[in-house]
Amino acid sequence: MIGAAETSYFVDSVKSKVESDVGTSAGIVERAKENVASSTTIASNAEQAAQLAAQVKGETAAGRSEVD
């Protein structure tokens, strides 16, 4: 049969592991939030780049038709 000291040690070690896992999970959550913010910025910049590319394409086509 397991003694009280062994049970206490086991419970303390489980508690420590759970606390560690909670800390790790909190870190993962923070990194995920950072990833969302970065992805949002990237998507916004990509949209702006696509709009600019479309504008440049239109201006280039207009310029070519004037030259021809």
N, C-alpha and C. Protein backbone atom coordinates (compact mmCIF):
# COMPACT_ATOMS: atom_id res chain seq x y z
N MET A 1 0.84 -1.17 0.00
CA MET A 1 0.00 0.00 0.00
C MET A 1 0.89 1.24 0.00
N ILE A 2 0.43 2.25 -0.72
CA ILE A 2 1.21 3.48 -0.84
C ILE A 2 1.04 4.30 0.43
N GLY A 3 2.16 4.79 0.94
CA GLY A 3 2.14 5.60 2.15
C GLY A 3 1.70 7.03 1.87
N ALA A 4 1.37 7.74 2.91
CA ALA A 4 0.90 9.12 2.79
C ALA A 4 1.95 10.02 2.15
N ALA A 5 3.22 9.82 2.49
CA ALA A 5 4.29 10.66 1.94
C ALA A 5 4.42 10.42 0.43
N GLU A 6 4.33 9.15 0.02
CA GLU A 6 4.43 8.84 -1.40
C GLU A 6 3.24 9.43 -2.17
N THR A 7 2.06 9.34 -1.57
CA THR A 7 0.87 9.91 -2.20
C THR A 7 1.01 11.42 -2.33
N SER A 8 1.48 12.06 -1.29
CA SER A 8 1.67 13.50 -1.31
C SER A 8 2.69 13.90 -2.37
N TYR A 9 3.78 13.16 -2.47
CA TYR A 9 4.81 13.43 -3.47
C TYR A 9 4.21 13.28 -4.87
N PHE A 10 3.45 12.23 -5.09
CA PHE A 10 2.84 11.98 -6.39
C PHE A 10 1.88 13.12 -6.76
N VAL A 11 1.03 13.51 -5.81
CA VAL A 11 0.07 14.58 -6.07
C VAL A 11 0.80 15.89 -6.36
N ASP A 12 1.85 16.19 -5.62
CA ASP A 12 2.63 17.40 -5.86
C ASP A 12 3.29 17.37 -7.24
N SER A 13 3.78 16.21 -7.64
CA SER A 13 4.42 16.13 -8.96
C SER A 13 3.39 16.29 -10.07
N VAL A 14 2.19 15.74 -9.88
CA VAL A 14 1.13 15.92 -10.87
C VAL A 14 0.72 17.39 -10.93
N LYS A 15 0.60 18.03 -9.77
CA LYS A 15 0.24 19.45 -9.71
C LYS A 15 1.29 20.28 -10.44
N SER A 16 2.55 19.99 -10.22
CA SER A 16 3.62 20.74 -10.89
C SER A 16 3.56 20.56 -12.40
N LYS A 17 3.30 19.35 -12.84
CA LYS A 17 3.21 19.07 -14.28
C LYS A 17 2.02 19.80 -14.89
N VAL A 18 0.87 19.81 -14.20
CA VAL A 18 -0.31 20.51 -14.69
C VAL A 18 -0.03 22.01 -14.78
N GLU A 19 0.61 22.57 -13.76
CA GLU A 19 0.95 23.99 -13.78
C GLU A 19 1.89 24.30 -14.94
N SER A 20 2.84 23.43 -15.17
CA SER A 20 3.76 23.61 -16.29
C SER A 20 3.01 23.56 -17.62
N ASP A 21 2.10 22.60 -17.74
CA ASP A 21 1.31 22.46 -18.98
C ASP A 21 0.41 23.68 -19.20
N VAL A 22 -0.14 24.23 -18.13
CA VAL A 22 -0.96 25.43 -18.23
C VAL A 22 -0.11 26.59 -18.74
N GLY A 23 1.09 26.72 -18.21
CA GLY A 23 1.99 27.77 -18.67
C GLY A 23 2.35 27.61 -20.14
N THR A 24 2.63 26.38 -20.53
CA THR A 24 2.94 26.10 -21.93
C THR A 24 1.75 26.42 -22.81
N SER A 25 0.56 26.04 -22.37
CA SER A 25 -0.65 26.32 -23.14
C SER A 25 -0.88 27.83 -23.28
N ALA A 26 -0.65 28.56 -22.22
CA ALA A 26 -0.79 30.02 -22.28
C ALA A 26 0.18 30.62 -23.30
N GLY A 27 1.39 30.09 -23.32
CA GLY A 27 2.37 30.54 -24.31
C GLY A 27 1.93 30.25 -25.73
N ILE A 28 1.35 29.09 -25.94
CA ILE A 28 0.85 28.71 -27.26
C ILE A 28 -0.28 29.66 -27.68
N VAL A 29 -1.15 29.98 -26.75
CA VAL A 29 -2.25 30.91 -27.03
C VAL A 29 -1.69 32.27 -27.46
N GLU A 30 -0.70 32.76 -26.75
CA GLU A 30 -0.11 34.06 -27.10
C GLU A 30 0.53 34.02 -28.48
N ARG A 31 1.25 32.94 -28.78
CA ARG A 31 1.87 32.82 -30.12
C ARG A 31 0.80 32.74 -31.20
N ALA A 32 -0.30 32.06 -30.90
CA ALA A 32 -1.40 31.96 -31.87
C ALA A 32 -2.00 33.34 -32.13
N LYS A 33 -2.15 34.14 -31.09
CA LYS A 33 -2.66 35.50 -31.26
C LYS A 33 -1.71 36.32 -32.13
N GLU A 34 -0.41 36.16 -31.89
CA GLU A 34 0.58 36.86 -32.71
C GLU A 34 0.49 36.41 -34.16
N ASN A 35 0.29 35.12 -34.37
CA ASN A 35 0.16 34.59 -35.73
C ASN A 35 -1.07 35.16 -36.42
N VAL A 36 -2.17 35.29 -35.69
CA VAL A 36 -3.39 35.87 -36.27
C VAL A 36 -3.13 37.32 -36.67
N ALA A 37 -2.48 38.07 -35.81
CA ALA A 37 -2.17 39.47 -36.13
C ALA A 37 -1.27 39.56 -37.35
N SER A 38 -0.26 38.72 -37.40
CA SER A 38 0.66 38.72 -38.55
C SER A 38 -0.07 38.32 -39.82
N SER A 39 -0.91 37.31 -39.74
CA SER A 39 -1.66 36.85 -40.91
C SER A 39 -2.60 37.94 -41.41
N THR A 40 -3.21 38.67 -40.49
CA THR A 40 -4.10 39.77 -40.87
C THR A 40 -3.32 40.85 -41.61
N THR A 41 -2.15 41.18 -41.09
CA THR A 41 -1.30 42.19 -41.74
C THR A 41 -0.86 41.71 -43.12
N ILE A 42 -0.46 40.48 -43.22
CA ILE A 42 -0.03 39.92 -44.51
C ILE A 42 -1.17 39.94 -45.51
N ALA A 43 -2.37 39.56 -45.08
CA ALA A 43 -3.52 39.56 -45.98
C ALA A 43 -3.84 40.98 -46.46
N SER A 44 -3.76 41.93 -45.55
CA SER A 44 -4.03 43.32 -45.91
C SER A 44 -2.99 43.82 -46.91
N ASN A 45 -1.73 43.52 -46.65
CA ASN A 45 -0.67 43.94 -47.57
C ASN A 45 -0.80 43.26 -48.93
N ALA A 46 -1.20 42.00 -48.93
CA ALA A 46 -1.38 41.28 -50.20
C ALA A 46 -2.54 41.89 -50.99
N GLU A 47 -3.59 42.28 -50.30
CA GLU A 47 -4.72 42.92 -50.98
C GLU A 47 -4.28 44.25 -51.60
N GLN A 48 -3.51 45.03 -50.85
CA GLN A 48 -3.01 46.31 -51.38
C GLN A 48 -2.10 46.08 -52.58
N ALA A 49 -1.26 45.06 -52.51
CA ALA A 49 -0.36 44.75 -53.62
C ALA A 49 -1.14 44.33 -54.85
N ALA A 50 -2.20 43.55 -54.67
CA ALA A 50 -3.02 43.12 -55.79
C ALA A 50 -3.72 44.31 -56.44
N GLN A 51 -4.21 45.24 -55.61
CA GLN A 51 -4.86 46.43 -56.15
C GLN A 51 -3.87 47.29 -56.93
N LEU A 52 -2.68 47.44 -56.38
CA LEU A 52 -1.65 48.22 -57.06
C LEU A 52 -1.24 47.56 -58.37
N ALA A 53 -1.10 46.24 -58.36
CA ALA A 53 -0.73 45.52 -59.57
C ALA A 53 -1.82 45.69 -60.64
N ALA A 54 -3.08 45.63 -60.24
CA ALA A 54 -4.17 45.82 -61.19
C ALA A 54 -4.14 47.24 -61.76
N GLN A 55 -3.85 48.21 -60.91
CA GLN A 55 -3.76 49.60 -61.37
C GLN A 55 -2.61 49.76 -62.36
N VAL A 56 -1.46 49.21 -62.03
CA VAL A 56 -0.30 49.31 -62.92
C VAL A 56 -0.58 48.60 -64.25
N LYS A 57 -1.23 47.46 -64.19
CA LYS A 57 -1.58 46.72 -65.41
C LYS A 57 -2.49 47.57 -66.30
N GLY A 58 -3.47 48.21 -65.68
CA GLY A 58 -4.37 49.06 -66.45
C GLY A 58 -3.65 50.24 -67.07
N GLU A 59 -2.78 50.87 -66.31
CA GLU A 59 -2.03 52.01 -66.83
C GLU A 59 -1.07 51.58 -67.94
N THR A 60 -0.47 50.40 -67.77
CA THR A 60 0.43 49.89 -68.81
C THR A 60 -0.33 49.60 -70.09
N ALA A 61 -1.49 48.99 -69.96
CA ALA A 61 -2.31 48.69 -71.15
C ALA A 61 -2.74 49.99 -71.83
N ALA A 62 -3.10 50.99 -71.05
CA ALA A 62 -3.50 52.28 -71.62
C ALA A 62 -2.32 52.93 -72.33
N GLY A 63 -1.16 52.85 -71.73
CA GLY A 63 0.05 53.42 -72.33
C GLY A 63 0.42 52.73 -73.63
N ARG A 64 0.28 51.42 -73.67
CA ARG A 64 0.59 50.66 -74.88
C ARG A 64 -0.37 51.02 -76.01
N SER A 65 -1.65 51.17 -75.66
CA SER A 65 -2.62 51.50 -76.71
C SER A 65 -2.36 52.89 -77.27
N GLU A 66 -1.87 53.79 -76.43
CA GLU A 66 -1.52 55.13 -76.93
C GLU A 66 -0.31 55.08 -77.85
N VAL A 67 0.66 54.22 -77.53
CA VAL A 67 1.87 54.10 -78.32
C VAL A 67 1.55 53.45 -79.66
N ASP A 68 0.70 52.42 -79.62
CA ASP A 68 0.36 51.70 -80.86
C ASP A 68 -0.54 52.56 -81.67
